[in-house]
């Protein structure tokens, strides 16, 4: 968890790539929640 927070503290936004056949995985959801909590802009691809 701490690794994600440190990385998100250094960025201005997030580009989130989700595989159409697998959908969002648990780690993807975790990172998305953290990014939204920090009010970072998210681009979903």
C-alpha atoms as a PDB file:
ATOM      1  CA  UNK A   1       0.000   0.000   0.000  1.00  0.00           C
ATOM      2  CA  UNK A   2       2.722   2.496   0.907  1.00  0.00           C
ATOM      3  CA  UNK A   3       4.339   2.108  -2.501  1.00  0.00           C
ATOM      4  CA  UNK A   4       1.124   3.218  -4.224  1.00  0.00           C
ATOM      5  CA  UNK A   5       0.729   6.263  -1.983  1.00  0.00           C
ATOM      6  CA  UNK A   6       4.335   7.336  -2.605  1.00  0.00           C
ATOM      7  CA  UNK A   7       3.922   6.999  -6.376  1.00  0.00           C
ATOM      8  CA  UNK A   8       0.609   8.878  -6.411  1.00  0.00           C
ATOM      9  CA  UNK A   9       2.142  11.699  -4.367  1.00  0.00           C
ATOM     10  CA  UNK A  10       4.552  12.379  -7.257  1.00  0.00           C
ATOM     11  CA  UNK A  11       2.064  12.570 -10.151  1.00  0.00           C
ATOM     12  CA  UNK A  12      -0.431  15.113 -11.480  1.00  0.00           C
ATOM     13  CA  UNK A  13      -2.894  12.531 -12.815  1.00  0.00           C
ATOM     14  CA  UNK A  14      -3.494   8.866 -13.586  1.00  0.00           C
ATOM     15  CA  UNK A  15      -3.970   6.979 -16.848  1.00  0.00           C
ATOM     16  CA  UNK A  16      -5.766   3.745 -16.010  1.00  0.00           C
ATOM     17  CA  UNK A  17      -5.633   0.942 -18.583  1.00  0.00           C
ATOM     18  CA  UNK A  18      -8.210  -1.825 -18.067  1.00  0.00           C
ATOM     19  CA  UNK A  19      -8.221  -5.060 -20.080  1.00  0.00           C
ATOM     20  CA  UNK A  20     -11.653  -5.409 -21.699  1.00  0.00           C
ATOM     21  CA  UNK A  21     -11.756  -9.190 -21.297  1.00  0.00           C
ATOM     22  CA  UNK A  22     -10.626  -9.318 -17.637  1.00  0.00           C
ATOM     23  CA  UNK A  23     -12.096  -6.057 -16.405  1.00  0.00           C
ATOM     24  CA  UNK A  24     -10.667  -4.189 -13.425  1.00  0.00           C
ATOM     25  CA  UNK A  25      -8.612  -6.376 -11.104  1.00  0.00           C
ATOM     26  CA  UNK A  26      -8.455  -5.882  -7.302  1.00  0.00           C
ATOM     27  CA  UNK A  27      -5.178  -3.904  -7.454  1.00  0.00           C
ATOM     28  CA  UNK A  28      -6.662  -1.680 -10.177  1.00  0.00           C
ATOM     29  CA  UNK A  29      -9.619  -0.870  -7.933  1.00  0.00           C
ATOM     30  CA  UNK A  30      -7.268  -0.169  -5.013  1.00  0.00           C
ATOM     31  CA  UNK A  31      -5.146   2.271  -7.036  1.00  0.00           C
ATOM     32  CA  UNK A  32      -8.251   3.957  -8.478  1.00  0.00           C
ATOM     33  CA  UNK A  33      -9.710   4.477  -4.986  1.00  0.00           C
ATOM     34  CA  UNK A  34      -6.432   5.996  -3.784  1.00  0.00           C
ATOM     35  CA  UNK A  35      -6.195   8.299  -6.828  1.00  0.00           C
ATOM     36  CA  UNK A  36      -9.778   9.497  -6.401  1.00  0.00           C
ATOM     37  CA  UNK A  37      -9.213  10.088  -2.680  1.00  0.00           C
ATOM     38  CA  UNK A  38      -6.316  12.384  -3.620  1.00  0.00           C
ATOM     39  CA  UNK A  39      -8.528  14.211  -6.160  1.00  0.00           C
ATOM     40  CA  UNK A  40      -6.212  13.236  -9.016  1.00  0.00           C
ATOM     41  CA  UNK A  41      -7.652  13.403 -12.534  1.00  0.00           C
ATOM     42  CA  UNK A  42      -8.143   9.900 -13.971  1.00  0.00           C
ATOM     43  CA  UNK A  43      -8.208   8.946 -17.650  1.00  0.00           C
ATOM     44  CA  UNK A  44      -9.719   5.508 -18.229  1.00  0.00           C
ATOM     45  CA  UNK A  45      -8.545   3.639 -21.337  1.00  0.00           C
END
